Amino acid sequence: MKGEKYLFVVSGPSGAGKDTVVSKLLHDHPDVKKTVSATTRSMREGEAEGVNYYYLTKEQFKDTLDHDGIVEYTCYCENYYGTLRSEIEGHMKAEEPVILVIEVEGAGNIKRLYPGSTTIFVLPPDKQELEHRLRSRGTESEEVIRKRLQRAEAEVALAAKYDEQVVNDEVDACAERIYGIIRHRMMQED
């Protein structure tokens, strides 16, 4: 599809800080847009419908998927997460850089559908810092934290398959590294 160079996929293990980094990037560079994903998980304190996610029931999610309205999805910790087709294609047609923050499995699906997109993997500085970040959230049970750490190990092993990798050792610097990747890609021909 025309405009795929405007599509950037950011992934990383839970706790790597990808959402924090992308929020900083969007704050500093309002020319970059972010898609809002759909999910079946419950809304967390401080989140808002249509801002953080579109919160759907499992039945609504399945119906949207059945009608080709979701281009990628995954089930993570018993909840579904997906990208609405309308959330990405509008930005690509308008030639606006747009970021998808999605899980590793979904990133592979997007790369297959939109091969001209750029995939970026956000890595934590090390395993200990990742665990510290997950525990400091205070939002998940010990069982969920253990599952997230196990999954993180498998996801980090896939980082080499991404077009780019950045370490989130410091939020501002990591956001600027990602913005540099976006600027470089925007200067390239389709």
Protein backbone atom coordinates (compact mmCIF):
# COMPACT_ATOMS: atom_id res chain seq x y z
CA MET A 1 0.00 0.00 0.00
CA LYS A 2 1.23 3.50 -0.80
CA GLY A 3 2.52 5.36 2.22
CA GLU A 4 3.91 2.38 4.15
CA LYS A 5 7.08 4.35 4.94
CA TYR A 6 4.90 6.44 7.30
CA LEU A 7 4.10 3.39 9.44
CA PHE A 8 6.32 2.63 12.44
CA VAL A 9 5.81 -0.38 14.69
CA VAL A 10 7.23 -0.17 18.22
CA SER A 11 7.41 -3.33 20.34
CA GLY A 12 9.23 -4.56 23.38
CA PRO A 13 8.60 -6.66 26.43
CA SER A 14 6.15 -5.51 29.07
CA GLY A 15 8.10 -3.21 31.38
CA ALA A 16 10.62 -2.05 28.75
CA GLY A 17 9.00 1.38 28.85
CA LYS A 18 7.83 1.50 25.25
CA ASP A 19 4.62 3.37 26.11
CA THR A 20 6.49 5.92 28.23
CA VAL A 21 9.07 6.47 25.50
CA VAL A 22 6.44 6.85 22.78
CA SER A 23 4.45 9.27 24.97
CA LYS A 24 7.58 11.41 25.36
CA LEU A 25 8.25 11.27 21.62
CA LEU A 26 4.66 12.33 20.82
CA HIS A 27 4.83 15.16 23.34
CA ASP A 28 8.08 16.50 21.88
CA HIS A 29 7.16 15.86 18.23
CA PRO A 30 3.43 16.43 17.61
CA ASP A 31 3.94 15.77 13.88
CA VAL A 32 4.09 12.06 14.79
CA LYS A 33 0.75 10.37 15.49
CA LYS A 34 -0.07 7.18 17.43
CA THR A 35 -2.78 4.66 16.75
CA VAL A 36 -5.18 3.72 19.48
CA SER A 37 -5.51 -0.06 19.81
CA ALA A 38 -8.58 -2.02 20.76
CA THR A 39 -8.47 -4.31 23.81
CA THR A 40 -10.70 -6.52 25.90
CA ARG A 41 -8.78 -5.80 29.10
CA SER A 42 -10.26 -3.60 31.80
CA MET A 43 -9.52 0.10 31.84
CA ARG A 44 -6.79 1.06 34.35
CA GLU A 45 -6.94 4.11 36.57
CA GLY A 46 -6.10 7.24 34.60
CA GLU A 47 -6.91 5.73 31.21
CA ALA A 48 -9.65 6.97 28.89
CA GLU A 49 -11.73 5.41 26.10
CA GLY A 50 -10.38 6.31 22.66
CA VAL A 51 -7.22 7.80 24.15
CA ASN A 52 -5.36 4.83 25.62
CA TYR A 53 -7.44 2.06 24.02
CA TYR A 54 -10.83 1.32 22.59
CA TYR A 55 -12.23 -0.97 25.29
CA LEU A 56 -14.33 -3.72 23.71
CA THR A 57 -16.07 -6.78 25.04
CA LYS A 58 -14.78 -10.08 23.66
CA GLU A 59 -17.95 -10.28 21.53
CA GLN A 60 -17.38 -6.78 20.06
CA PHE A 61 -13.74 -7.61 19.38
CA LYS A 62 -14.67 -10.84 17.55
CA ASP A 63 -17.32 -9.05 15.47
CA THR A 64 -14.84 -6.34 14.40
CA LEU A 65 -12.28 -9.02 13.55
CA ASP A 66 -14.85 -11.00 11.54
CA HIS A 67 -15.62 -7.87 9.49
CA ASP A 68 -11.93 -7.28 8.59
CA GLY A 69 -11.73 -4.21 10.82
CA ILE A 70 -8.71 -5.50 12.75
CA VAL A 71 -5.40 -5.96 10.88
CA GLU A 72 -3.54 -7.72 13.68
CA TYR A 73 -4.35 -9.02 17.11
CA THR A 74 -2.98 -11.13 19.88
CA CYS A 75 -4.14 -12.65 23.13
CA TYR A 76 -1.92 -11.63 26.01
CA CYS A 77 -2.58 -12.62 29.62
CA GLU A 78 -6.13 -13.68 28.68
CA ASN A 79 -7.05 -10.38 26.99
CA TYR A 80 -7.20 -9.50 23.30
CA TYR A 81 -5.31 -6.56 21.81
CA GLY A 82 -5.68 -5.48 18.20
CA THR A 83 -5.05 -2.74 15.69
CA LEU A 84 -8.01 -1.27 13.89
CA ARG A 85 -7.46 -0.97 10.14
CA SER A 86 -8.95 2.54 10.16
CA GLU A 87 -6.38 3.64 12.77
CA ILE A 88 -3.41 3.14 10.46
CA GLU A 89 -4.55 3.51 6.88
CA GLY A 90 -5.92 7.03 7.34
CA HIS A 91 -2.53 8.29 8.55
CA MET A 92 -0.66 6.52 5.76
CA LYS A 93 -2.94 8.04 3.11
CA ALA A 94 -2.42 11.49 4.66
CA GLU A 95 1.35 10.87 4.66
CA GLU A 96 1.59 11.41 8.41
CA PRO A 97 4.11 9.37 10.41
CA VAL A 98 2.14 7.04 12.65
CA ILE A 99 3.33 4.73 15.43
CA LEU A 100 1.75 1.45 16.45
CA VAL A 101 2.78 0.24 19.90
CA ILE A 102 2.05 -3.47 19.80
CA GLU A 103 3.26 -6.84 20.98
CA VAL A 104 5.89 -8.88 19.14
CA GLU A 105 3.41 -11.25 17.52
CA GLY A 106 1.36 -8.37 16.16
CA ALA A 107 4.46 -6.62 14.82
CA GLY A 108 5.21 -9.62 12.62
CA ASN A 109 1.67 -9.54 11.26
CA ILE A 110 1.91 -5.83 10.45
CA LYS A 111 5.27 -6.31 8.71
CA ARG A 112 3.71 -9.02 6.52
CA LEU A 113 0.70 -6.81 5.63
CA TYR A 114 2.74 -3.61 5.23
CA PRO A 115 6.28 -4.66 4.25
CA GLY A 116 7.39 -1.04 3.82
CA SER A 117 6.76 -0.30 7.50
CA THR A 118 9.65 0.11 9.96
CA THR A 119 9.79 -2.10 13.05
CA ILE A 120 11.55 -0.82 16.19
CA PHE A 121 12.22 -2.96 19.27
CA VAL A 122 12.60 -1.23 22.65
CA LEU A 123 14.90 -3.14 24.98
CA PRO A 124 15.28 -2.66 28.74
CA PRO A 125 18.81 -1.91 29.96
CA ASP A 126 18.94 -5.37 31.59
CA LYS A 127 16.76 -8.13 33.06
CA GLN A 128 16.97 -6.78 36.63
CA GLU A 129 15.71 -3.34 35.57
CA LEU A 130 12.86 -4.97 33.65
CA GLU A 131 11.76 -6.89 36.74
CA HIS A 132 12.05 -3.74 38.87
CA ARG A 133 9.83 -1.80 36.45
CA LEU A 134 7.19 -4.53 36.40
CA ARG A 135 7.09 -4.79 40.20
CA SER A 136 7.03 -1.02 40.76
CA ARG A 137 3.77 -0.71 38.81
CA GLY A 138 1.93 -2.36 41.68
CA THR A 139 -0.92 -3.32 39.35
CA GLU A 140 -0.37 -7.05 38.83
CA SER A 141 -0.22 -10.23 40.85
CA GLU A 142 2.98 -12.19 41.37
CA GLU A 143 1.69 -14.81 38.93
CA VAL A 144 1.15 -12.20 36.19
CA ILE A 145 4.59 -10.69 36.83
CA ARG A 146 6.20 -14.14 36.48
CA LYS A 147 4.31 -14.72 33.20
CA ARG A 148 5.40 -11.31 31.90
CA LEU A 149 9.06 -12.02 32.77
CA GLN A 150 8.95 -15.41 31.03
CA ARG A 151 7.37 -13.88 27.95
CA ALA A 152 9.89 -11.01 28.00
CA GLU A 153 12.77 -13.46 27.71
CA ALA A 154 11.26 -14.98 24.57
CA GLU A 155 10.43 -11.58 23.09
CA VAL A 156 13.93 -10.14 23.63
CA ALA A 157 15.29 -13.12 21.71
CA LEU A 158 13.29 -11.88 18.68
CA ALA A 159 14.66 -8.32 18.74
CA ALA A 160 17.18 -9.09 15.98
CA LYS A 161 14.28 -9.63 13.55
CA TYR A 162 13.30 -5.96 13.86
CA ASP A 163 14.55 -3.26 11.51
CA GLU A 164 15.89 -1.26 14.47
CA GLN A 165 16.61 -1.84 18.17
CA VAL A 166 16.90 0.85 20.85
CA VAL A 167 17.71 0.52 24.55
CA ASN A 168 15.49 2.44 26.95
CA ASP A 169 18.19 3.39 29.44
CA GLU A 170 16.81 6.93 29.70
CA VAL A 171 13.38 7.98 28.38
CA ASP A 172 14.30 11.29 26.70
CA ALA A 173 17.32 9.85 24.91
CA CYS A 174 15.42 6.74 23.78
CA ALA A 175 12.55 8.89 22.44
CA GLU A 176 15.02 10.99 20.45
CA ARG A 177 16.71 7.88 19.02
CA ILE A 178 13.32 6.66 17.78
CA TYR A 179 12.49 10.09 16.35
CA GLY A 180 15.81 10.00 14.51
CA ILE A 181 14.81 6.67 12.96
CA ILE A 182 11.47 8.18 11.89
CA ARG A 183 13.11 11.28 10.36
CA HIS A 184 15.63 9.16 8.47
CA ARG A 185 12.92 6.88 7.07
CA MET A 186 10.73 9.84 6.05
CA MET A 187 13.54 11.17 3.86
CA GLN A 188 13.75 7.91 1.90
CA GLU A 189 11.83 7.25 -1.32
CA ASP A 190 8.82 4.92 -1.23
